[in-house]
Amino acid sequence: MALESLQTHKFTPKSDVWSFGVLLWELMTRGAPPYSDVNSFDITIFLLQGRRLLQPEFCPDALYTVMVECWHPKPERRPSFSDLVARISSIFSSFSGEHYVLLNTTYVNIEKMSPYPSLLSSSPSSSSSTTNTNVSYSSISSSDPSTSLPTQSQFFCRMERECCT
């Protein structure tokens, strides 16, 4: 939720831009929960200190720059959705096959992220002083028959045998 929305409980297209930046972050982390180690009562303080979500491991720098612009503390300095469409389209059209993620993995293990530093023990001077979070991804190889998932028909046949016999 946008900083100003946390403080005033008012929502605008610019607060939606903030949320869109968080959505981009969630997509690039393949579903990691944002601010998972920040107490929900401390999130406003966390954001007021200039802290933001860290760049995901496989996120292109240009896309993370867009995310950070979405999280600008002054709503009027955030991009419009029209600007976001143009910028993100430009970023993705510039890829010549060097940035891609194989989406045929059957399992993603997101280990517990390391906690953000205490809000009481440190007062960062800038957003770059946040600690790194460690997100580890692993996948089960679909080429290994012992670890591959059953097909839909195999799954239902197995259920039928176990349930109906």
C-alpha atoms as a PDB file:
ATOM      1  CA  MET A   1       0.000   0.000   0.000  1.00  0.00           C
ATOM      2  CA  ALA A   2       1.271   3.469  -0.857  1.00  0.00           C
ATOM      3  CA  LEU A   3       2.837   5.488   1.923  1.00  0.00           C
ATOM      4  CA  GLU A   4       0.246   8.273   1.668  1.00  0.00           C
ATOM      5  CA  SER A   5      -2.569   5.691   1.729  1.00  0.00           C
ATOM      6  CA  LEU A   6      -1.165   4.193   4.920  1.00  0.00           C
ATOM      7  CA  GLN A   7      -1.138   7.656   6.478  1.00  0.00           C
ATOM      8  CA  THR A   8      -4.389   9.176   5.167  1.00  0.00           C
ATOM      9  CA  HIS A   9      -6.455   6.153   4.071  1.00  0.00           C
ATOM     10  CA  LYS A  10      -7.003   7.873   0.703  1.00  0.00           C
ATOM     11  CA  PHE A  11      -6.498   6.052  -2.565  1.00  0.00           C
ATOM     12  CA  THR A  12      -5.730   7.633  -5.931  1.00  0.00           C
ATOM     13  CA  PRO A  13      -4.399   6.518  -9.309  1.00  0.00           C
ATOM     14  CA  LYS A  14      -0.931   7.410  -7.987  1.00  0.00           C
ATOM     15  CA  SER A  15      -1.365   5.085  -4.996  1.00  0.00           C
ATOM     16  CA  ASP A  16      -2.395   2.435  -7.521  1.00  0.00           C
ATOM     17  CA  VAL A  17       0.921   3.053  -9.313  1.00  0.00           C
ATOM     18  CA  TRP A  18       2.715   2.269  -6.025  1.00  0.00           C
ATOM     19  CA  SER A  19       0.765  -0.976  -5.749  1.00  0.00           C
ATOM     20  CA  PHE A  20       1.581  -1.797  -9.362  1.00  0.00           C
ATOM     21  CA  GLY A  21       5.284  -1.450  -8.494  1.00  0.00           C
ATOM     22  CA  VAL A  22       4.791  -3.974  -5.689  1.00  0.00           C
ATOM     23  CA  LEU A  23       2.952  -6.277  -8.109  1.00  0.00           C
ATOM     24  CA  LEU A  24       5.910  -6.097 -10.526  1.00  0.00           C
ATOM     25  CA  TRP A  25       8.205  -7.022  -7.622  1.00  0.00           C
ATOM     26  CA  GLU A  26       5.990  -9.993  -6.729  1.00  0.00           C
ATOM     27  CA  LEU A  27       6.030 -11.168 -10.346  1.00  0.00           C
ATOM     28  CA  MET A  28       9.814 -10.925 -10.557  1.00  0.00           C
ATOM     29  CA  THR A  29      10.218 -12.903  -7.318  1.00  0.00           C
ATOM     30  CA  ARG A  30       7.696 -15.469  -8.565  1.00  0.00           C
ATOM     31  CA  GLY A  31       5.342 -14.852  -5.684  1.00  0.00           C
ATOM     32  CA  ALA A  32       7.496 -13.978  -2.683  1.00  0.00           C
ATOM     33  CA  PRO A  33       5.494 -11.993  -0.122  1.00  0.00           C
ATOM     34  CA  PRO A  34       6.590  -8.344   0.014  1.00  0.00           C
ATOM     35  CA  TYR A  35       7.897  -7.006   3.331  1.00  0.00           C
ATOM     36  CA  SER A  36       7.524 -10.471   4.841  1.00  0.00           C
ATOM     37  CA  ASP A  37       9.766  -9.733   7.825  1.00  0.00           C
ATOM     38  CA  VAL A  38       8.443  -6.258   8.550  1.00  0.00           C
ATOM     39  CA  ASN A  39       5.761  -6.152  11.224  1.00  0.00           C
ATOM     40  CA  SER A  40       2.559  -4.803   9.683  1.00  0.00           C
ATOM     41  CA  PHE A  41       2.417  -2.146  12.411  1.00  0.00           C
ATOM     42  CA  ASP A  42       5.930  -0.968  11.437  1.00  0.00           C
ATOM     43  CA  ILE A  43       5.491  -0.773   7.661  1.00  0.00           C
ATOM     44  CA  THR A  44       4.771   2.981   7.693  1.00  0.00           C
ATOM     45  CA  ILE A  45       7.960   3.683   9.670  1.00  0.00           C
ATOM     46  CA  PHE A  46       9.891   1.359   7.372  1.00  0.00           C
ATOM     47  CA  LEU A  47       8.728   3.274   4.292  1.00  0.00           C
ATOM     48  CA  LEU A  48       9.141   6.713   5.908  1.00  0.00           C
ATOM     49  CA  GLN A  49      12.801   5.821   6.504  1.00  0.00           C
ATOM     50  CA  GLY A  50      13.176   5.528   2.732  1.00  0.00           C
ATOM     51  CA  ARG A  51      13.393   1.754   2.724  1.00  0.00           C
ATOM     52  CA  ARG A  52      11.985  -0.119  -0.232  1.00  0.00           C
ATOM     53  CA  LEU A  53      11.785  -3.669  -1.530  1.00  0.00           C
ATOM     54  CA  LEU A  54      15.131  -4.908  -2.779  1.00  0.00           C
ATOM     55  CA  GLN A  55      15.888  -5.785  -6.382  1.00  0.00           C
ATOM     56  CA  PRO A  56      14.906  -9.394  -7.094  1.00  0.00           C
ATOM     57  CA  GLU A  57      17.739 -11.672  -8.163  1.00  0.00           C
ATOM     58  CA  PHE A  58      16.699 -12.079 -11.793  1.00  0.00           C
ATOM     59  CA  CYS A  59      15.132  -8.653 -12.281  1.00  0.00           C
ATOM     60  CA  PRO A  60      16.680  -6.490 -15.011  1.00  0.00           C
ATOM     61  CA  ASP A  61      18.057  -3.187 -13.717  1.00  0.00           C
ATOM     62  CA  ALA A  62      15.789  -1.174 -16.026  1.00  0.00           C
ATOM     63  CA  LEU A  63      12.679  -2.883 -14.648  1.00  0.00           C
ATOM     64  CA  TYR A  64      13.791  -2.391 -11.037  1.00  0.00           C
ATOM     65  CA  THR A  65      14.316   1.298 -11.821  1.00  0.00           C
ATOM     66  CA  VAL A  66      10.668   1.446 -12.907  1.00  0.00           C
ATOM     67  CA  MET A  67       9.620  -0.240  -9.649  1.00  0.00           C
ATOM     68  CA  VAL A  68      11.572   2.264  -7.559  1.00  0.00           C
ATOM     69  CA  GLU A  69       9.979   5.145  -9.478  1.00  0.00           C
ATOM     70  CA  CYS A  70       6.557   3.658  -8.660  1.00  0.00           C
ATOM     71  CA  TRP A  71       7.519   3.819  -4.969  1.00  0.00           C
ATOM     72  CA  HIS A  72       8.551   7.482  -4.961  1.00  0.00           C
ATOM     73  CA  PRO A  73       7.439   9.114  -1.688  1.00  0.00           C
ATOM     74  CA  LYS A  74       5.852  12.026  -3.593  1.00  0.00           C
ATOM     75  CA  PRO A  75       2.859  10.739  -5.577  1.00  0.00           C
ATOM     76  CA  GLU A  76       3.190  13.441  -8.243  1.00  0.00           C
ATOM     77  CA  ARG A  77       6.695  12.153  -9.038  1.00  0.00           C
ATOM     78  CA  ARG A  78       5.447   8.615  -9.801  1.00  0.00           C
ATOM     79  CA  PRO A  79       4.908   7.643 -13.437  1.00  0.00           C
ATOM     80  CA  SER A  80       1.421   7.471 -14.917  1.00  0.00           C
ATOM     81  CA  PHE A  81       0.039   4.154 -16.112  1.00  0.00           C
ATOM     82  CA  SER A  82       0.432   5.379 -19.697  1.00  0.00           C
ATOM     83  CA  ASP A  83       4.119   6.004 -19.010  1.00  0.00           C
ATOM     84  CA  LEU A  84       4.432   2.577 -17.403  1.00  0.00           C
ATOM     85  CA  VAL A  85       2.956   0.829 -20.440  1.00  0.00           C
ATOM     86  CA  ALA A  86       5.417   2.586 -22.744  1.00  0.00           C
ATOM     87  CA  ARG A  87       8.433   2.014 -20.485  1.00  0.00           C
ATOM     88  CA  ILE A  88       7.738  -1.649 -19.741  1.00  0.00           C
ATOM     89  CA  SER A  89       6.982  -2.365 -23.399  1.00  0.00           C
ATOM     90  CA  SER A  90      10.279  -0.748 -24.324  1.00  0.00           C
ATOM     91  CA  ILE A  91      12.177  -2.746 -21.696  1.00  0.00           C
ATOM     92  CA  PHE A  92      10.765  -6.078 -22.827  1.00  0.00           C
ATOM     93  CA  SER A  93      11.115  -5.354 -26.530  1.00  0.00           C
ATOM     94  CA  SER A  94      14.811  -4.579 -25.961  1.00  0.00           C
ATOM     95  CA  PHE A  95      15.459  -8.130 -24.778  1.00  0.00           C
ATOM     96  CA  SER A  96      16.986 -10.210 -27.519  1.00  0.00           C
ATOM     97  CA  GLY A  97      16.511 -13.565 -25.865  1.00  0.00           C
ATOM     98  CA  GLU A  98      19.129 -13.055 -23.173  1.00  0.00           C
ATOM     99  CA  HIS A  99      16.602 -12.575 -20.362  1.00  0.00           C
ATOM    100  CA  TYR A 100      14.116 -15.340 -19.856  1.00  0.00           C
ATOM    101  CA  VAL A 101      12.937 -17.732 -17.189  1.00  0.00           C
ATOM    102  CA  LEU A 102      11.913 -21.270 -18.017  1.00  0.00           C
ATOM    103  CA  LEU A 103       8.360 -21.529 -16.807  1.00  0.00           C
ATOM    104  CA  ASN A 104       8.162 -25.313 -17.015  1.00  0.00           C
ATOM    105  CA  THR A 105       9.522 -25.819 -13.504  1.00  0.00           C
ATOM    106  CA  THR A 106       7.160 -27.820 -11.360  1.00  0.00           C
ATOM    107  CA  TYR A 107       8.286 -26.655  -7.945  1.00  0.00           C
ATOM    108  CA  VAL A 108       9.611 -23.393  -6.583  1.00  0.00           C
ATOM    109  CA  ASN A 109      11.070 -23.386  -3.092  1.00  0.00           C
ATOM    110  CA  ILE A 110      11.211 -19.928  -1.602  1.00  0.00           C
ATOM    111  CA  GLU A 111      13.225 -20.224   1.577  1.00  0.00           C
ATOM    112  CA  LYS A 112      12.444 -17.906   4.454  1.00  0.00           C
ATOM    113  CA  MET A 113      13.784 -14.506   3.638  1.00  0.00           C
ATOM    114  CA  SER A 114      16.304 -13.035   6.037  1.00  0.00           C
ATOM    115  CA  PRO A 115      14.744 -10.339   8.202  1.00  0.00           C
ATOM    116  CA  TYR A 116      15.036  -6.653   7.484  1.00  0.00           C
ATOM    117  CA  PRO A 117      17.141  -4.831  10.073  1.00  0.00           C
ATOM    118  CA  SER A 118      15.322  -3.651  13.159  1.00  0.00           C
ATOM    119  CA  LEU A 119      13.468  -0.395  12.747  1.00  0.00           C
ATOM    120  CA  LEU A 120      14.510   0.669  16.230  1.00  0.00           C
ATOM    121  CA  SER A 121      18.224  -0.156  16.106  1.00  0.00           C
ATOM    122  CA  SER A 122      19.155   1.613  12.893  1.00  0.00           C
ATOM    123  CA  SER A 123      18.125   4.656  10.970  1.00  0.00           C
ATOM    124  CA  PRO A 124      19.286   4.275   7.406  1.00  0.00           C
ATOM    125  CA  SER A 125      20.386   7.401   5.620  1.00  0.00           C
ATOM    126  CA  SER A 126      19.130   6.186   2.272  1.00  0.00           C
ATOM    127  CA  SER A 127      17.201   3.389   0.681  1.00  0.00           C
ATOM    128  CA  SER A 128      20.447   1.708  -0.332  1.00  0.00           C
ATOM    129  CA  SER A 129      21.261   0.866   3.265  1.00  0.00           C
ATOM    130  CA  THR A 130      18.753  -1.950   3.563  1.00  0.00           C
ATOM    131  CA  THR A 131      20.130  -5.418   3.944  1.00  0.00           C
ATOM    132  CA  ASN A 132      19.833  -7.987   1.243  1.00  0.00           C
ATOM    133  CA  THR A 133      17.209 -10.661   1.470  1.00  0.00           C
ATOM    134  CA  ASN A 134      18.064 -14.135   0.347  1.00  0.00           C
ATOM    135  CA  VAL A 135      15.535 -15.826  -1.863  1.00  0.00           C
ATOM    136  CA  SER A 136      16.539 -19.223  -3.147  1.00  0.00           C
ATOM    137  CA  TYR A 137      14.777 -20.925  -6.001  1.00  0.00           C
ATOM    138  CA  SER A 138      15.098 -24.604  -6.788  1.00  0.00           C
ATOM    139  CA  SER A 139      13.201 -26.771  -9.184  1.00  0.00           C
ATOM    140  CA  ILE A 140      12.525 -30.428  -9.685  1.00  0.00           C
ATOM    141  CA  SER A 141      13.856 -31.541 -13.000  1.00  0.00           C
ATOM    142  CA  SER A 142      11.103 -32.792 -15.251  1.00  0.00           C
ATOM    143  CA  SER A 143      13.646 -34.982 -17.047  1.00  0.00           C
ATOM    144  CA  ASP A 144      14.144 -37.130 -13.933  1.00  0.00           C
ATOM    145  CA  PRO A 145      11.281 -39.667 -13.895  1.00  0.00           C
ATOM    146  CA  SER A 146      11.577 -40.217 -10.144  1.00  0.00           C
ATOM    147  CA  THR A 147      10.738 -36.574  -9.425  1.00  0.00           C
ATOM    148  CA  SER A 148       8.379 -35.640 -12.245  1.00  0.00           C
ATOM    149  CA  LEU A 149       4.762 -34.984 -11.458  1.00  0.00           C
ATOM    150  CA  PRO A 150       2.081 -37.296 -12.842  1.00  0.00           C
ATOM    151  CA  THR A 151       0.045 -36.176 -15.812  1.00  0.00           C
ATOM    152  CA  GLN A 152      -3.576 -35.279 -15.221  1.00  0.00           C
ATOM    153  CA  SER A 153      -4.803 -38.644 -16.516  1.00  0.00           C
ATOM    154  CA  GLN A 154      -2.254 -40.544 -14.388  1.00  0.00           C
ATOM    155  CA  PHE A 155      -3.321 -38.538 -11.351  1.00  0.00           C
ATOM    156  CA  PHE A 156      -7.042 -39.249 -11.817  1.00  0.00           C
ATOM    157  CA  CYS A 157      -6.428 -42.937 -12.603  1.00  0.00           C
ATOM    158  CA  ARG A 158      -4.412 -43.230  -9.402  1.00  0.00           C
ATOM    159  CA  MET A 159      -7.125 -41.461  -7.398  1.00  0.00           C
ATOM    160  CA  GLU A 160      -9.737 -43.764  -8.882  1.00  0.00           C
ATOM    161  CA  ARG A 161      -7.724 -46.859  -7.938  1.00  0.00           C
ATOM    162  CA  GLU A 162      -7.119 -45.624  -4.378  1.00  0.00           C
ATOM    163  CA  CYS A 163     -10.628 -44.337  -3.732  1.00  0.00           C
ATOM    164  CA  CYS A 164     -12.781 -46.846  -5.511  1.00  0.00           C
ATOM    165  CA  THR A 165     -11.151 -50.200  -4.765  1.00  0.00           C
END
